[in-house]
């Protein structure tokens, strides 16, 4: 019976089945199939019994895709980067342009998230967090004015007798 842990020699045998390719690339087998369906990974050879067979180059491509996803590139951007990676006649300016656009998008997203954080910090600061039902956090969520930045107000102590 073969050992469940490949030896150093057998770990380098190619081609490999989808589970091993996924393990070596640091992704799930489901994601490997997804990348194939998206056209990011070329269709691979199959055995007579239908098992996919992945080469070392396929696993390298999967690692490239995983790293691109780790950096937040979209599938479309990764597809463009893969095309440039495989094109030895590419100009590095094309790659740089994609990366610069991605940096600009990340900068916008970071600014939006920082704004959300500041708003939530203000709302949390204004909330008494006690037994009173008044809550500026819920008031803000329920407000109809979503176009402007909320300016939370402190809830005044509620007079239950007047209600």
Protein backbone atom coordinates (compact mmCIF):
# COMPACT_ATOMS: atom_id res chain seq x y z
CA UNK A 1 0.00 0.00 0.00
CA UNK A 2 1.46 3.42 -0.95
CA UNK A 3 2.35 5.84 1.81
CA UNK A 4 -0.15 8.69 2.31
CA UNK A 5 2.81 11.07 2.59
CA UNK A 6 4.77 11.34 -0.64
CA UNK A 7 8.50 11.08 -0.43
CA UNK A 8 10.67 13.89 -1.76
CA UNK A 9 11.16 11.92 -4.97
CA UNK A 10 7.49 11.08 -5.57
CA UNK A 11 6.44 14.64 -4.64
CA UNK A 12 7.98 15.81 -7.92
CA UNK A 13 6.18 13.35 -10.19
CA UNK A 14 4.14 14.99 -12.90
CA UNK A 15 1.38 15.06 -13.94
CA UNK A 16 -0.75 15.07 -10.80
CA UNK A 17 -4.48 14.75 -10.10
CA UNK A 18 -6.61 17.73 -9.16
CA UNK A 19 -6.33 17.27 -5.39
CA UNK A 20 -2.54 17.19 -5.51
CA UNK A 21 -2.38 20.14 -7.92
CA UNK A 22 -4.65 22.12 -5.64
CA UNK A 23 -2.55 21.24 -2.58
CA UNK A 24 0.69 22.23 -4.30
CA UNK A 25 -0.84 25.53 -5.46
CA UNK A 26 -2.46 26.34 -2.13
CA UNK A 27 -6.03 26.42 -3.44
CA UNK A 28 -9.02 24.09 -3.23
CA UNK A 29 -9.94 21.61 -5.94
CA UNK A 30 -13.20 23.52 -6.30
CA UNK A 31 -11.26 26.69 -7.11
CA UNK A 32 -9.13 24.81 -9.66
CA UNK A 33 -12.31 23.77 -11.47
CA UNK A 34 -13.63 27.33 -11.19
CA UNK A 35 -10.45 28.79 -12.70
CA UNK A 36 -10.71 26.30 -15.55
CA UNK A 37 -14.36 27.23 -16.12
CA UNK A 38 -13.40 30.93 -16.13
CA UNK A 39 -10.73 30.29 -18.74
CA UNK A 40 -7.87 31.33 -16.46
CA UNK A 41 -6.41 27.83 -16.60
CA UNK A 42 -6.31 26.04 -19.92
CA UNK A 43 -8.21 22.75 -20.13
CA UNK A 44 -5.93 20.00 -18.94
CA UNK A 45 -5.31 16.52 -20.27
CA UNK A 46 -7.60 13.81 -18.94
CA UNK A 47 -6.91 10.14 -18.48
CA UNK A 48 -9.04 7.55 -20.23
CA UNK A 49 -11.07 7.30 -17.04
CA UNK A 50 -11.66 11.08 -17.00
CA UNK A 51 -9.23 12.18 -14.31
CA UNK A 52 -7.67 15.59 -14.87
CA UNK A 53 -3.88 15.56 -15.16
CA UNK A 54 -2.04 18.75 -14.13
CA UNK A 55 1.48 19.60 -15.19
CA UNK A 56 4.05 21.59 -13.27
CA UNK A 57 3.23 24.58 -15.51
CA UNK A 58 -0.47 24.24 -14.60
CA UNK A 59 0.37 24.33 -10.90
CA UNK A 60 2.62 27.35 -11.49
CA UNK A 61 -0.31 29.09 -13.20
CA UNK A 62 -2.57 28.21 -10.26
CA UNK A 63 -0.03 29.78 -7.88
CA UNK A 64 0.02 32.90 -10.08
CA UNK A 65 -3.78 33.11 -9.90
CA UNK A 66 -3.78 32.55 -6.13
CA UNK A 67 -1.21 35.31 -5.62
CA UNK A 68 -3.23 37.65 -7.82
CA UNK A 69 -6.34 36.92 -5.75
CA UNK A 70 -4.32 37.44 -2.54
CA UNK A 71 -3.46 40.92 -3.84
CA UNK A 72 -7.13 41.61 -4.56
CA UNK A 73 -7.02 41.58 -8.36
CA UNK A 74 -10.33 40.77 -10.03
CA UNK A 75 -10.71 37.68 -12.17
CA UNK A 76 -10.72 39.93 -15.24
CA UNK A 77 -7.49 41.62 -14.15
CA UNK A 78 -5.88 38.25 -13.43
CA UNK A 79 -6.90 37.07 -16.89
CA UNK A 80 -5.21 40.12 -18.42
CA UNK A 81 -2.12 39.62 -16.26
CA UNK A 82 -1.95 35.93 -17.21
CA UNK A 83 -2.09 36.90 -20.88
CA UNK A 84 0.75 39.35 -20.38
CA UNK A 85 2.73 36.82 -18.32
CA UNK A 86 2.54 34.30 -21.15
CA UNK A 87 3.35 36.93 -23.79
CA UNK A 88 7.12 37.32 -23.88
CA UNK A 89 6.69 40.26 -26.27
CA UNK A 90 4.73 42.28 -23.72
CA UNK A 91 5.68 45.74 -22.57
CA UNK A 92 6.02 45.97 -18.81
CA UNK A 93 4.12 49.27 -19.04
CA UNK A 94 0.97 47.24 -19.73
CA UNK A 95 1.44 45.30 -16.50
CA UNK A 96 2.24 48.48 -14.58
CA UNK A 97 -0.92 50.16 -15.87
CA UNK A 98 -3.09 47.31 -14.58
CA UNK A 99 -1.33 47.42 -11.20
CA UNK A 100 -1.66 51.21 -10.95
CA UNK A 101 -5.39 51.05 -11.69
CA UNK A 102 -5.72 48.38 -9.02
CA UNK A 103 -3.83 50.56 -6.52
CA UNK A 104 -6.20 53.46 -7.27
CA UNK A 105 -9.23 51.21 -6.69
CA UNK A 106 -7.72 49.91 -3.43
CA UNK A 107 -7.05 53.49 -2.30
CA UNK A 108 -10.71 54.39 -2.91
CA UNK A 109 -11.91 51.30 -1.04
CA UNK A 110 -9.58 52.00 1.89
CA UNK A 111 -10.82 55.61 2.10
CA UNK A 112 -14.44 54.42 2.04
CA UNK A 113 -13.76 51.87 4.78
CA UNK A 114 -11.95 54.46 6.91
CA UNK A 115 -14.97 56.74 6.53
CA UNK A 116 -17.26 53.90 7.63
CA UNK A 117 -15.00 53.26 10.60
CA UNK A 118 -15.04 56.92 11.67
CA UNK A 119 -18.83 57.07 11.35
CA UNK A 120 -19.29 53.90 13.39
CA UNK A 121 -16.83 55.11 16.03
CA UNK A 122 -18.80 58.34 16.36
CA UNK A 123 -22.10 56.47 16.56
CA UNK A 124 -20.74 54.06 19.17
CA UNK A 125 -19.37 57.00 21.17
CA UNK A 126 -22.83 58.65 21.10
CA UNK A 127 -24.66 55.51 22.19
CA UNK A 128 -25.20 55.30 25.92
CA UNK A 129 -25.17 51.52 25.83
CA UNK A 130 -27.48 51.31 28.81
CA UNK A 131 -31.06 50.18 29.43
CA UNK A 132 -32.59 53.10 27.53
CA UNK A 133 -34.20 52.27 24.18
CA UNK A 134 -32.78 55.36 22.45
CA UNK A 135 -29.91 54.38 20.20
CA UNK A 136 -28.13 56.70 17.74
CA UNK A 137 -26.75 53.67 15.91
CA UNK A 138 -30.23 52.40 15.09
CA UNK A 139 -31.43 55.96 14.40
CA UNK A 140 -28.66 56.38 11.84
CA UNK A 141 -29.38 53.03 10.18
CA UNK A 142 -33.05 53.94 9.95
CA UNK A 143 -32.45 57.45 8.62
CA UNK A 144 -33.59 58.11 5.06
CA UNK A 145 -30.70 60.47 4.33
CA UNK A 146 -27.93 58.22 3.03
CA UNK A 147 -26.32 60.79 0.74
CA UNK A 148 -24.61 62.76 3.45
CA UNK A 149 -22.32 61.74 6.24
CA UNK A 150 -24.39 61.23 9.38
CA UNK A 151 -23.90 63.55 12.29
CA UNK A 152 -25.06 61.53 15.25
CA UNK A 153 -26.61 63.28 18.16
CA UNK A 154 -26.60 62.21 21.76
CA UNK A 155 -29.86 60.74 22.81
CA UNK A 156 -31.46 62.72 25.59
CA UNK A 157 -32.68 60.74 28.54
CA UNK A 158 -36.14 59.51 27.64
CA UNK A 159 -39.02 60.49 29.82
CA UNK A 160 -41.15 57.37 29.86
CA UNK A 161 -43.99 59.19 31.63
CA UNK A 162 -44.47 61.48 28.60
CA UNK A 163 -44.59 58.66 26.11
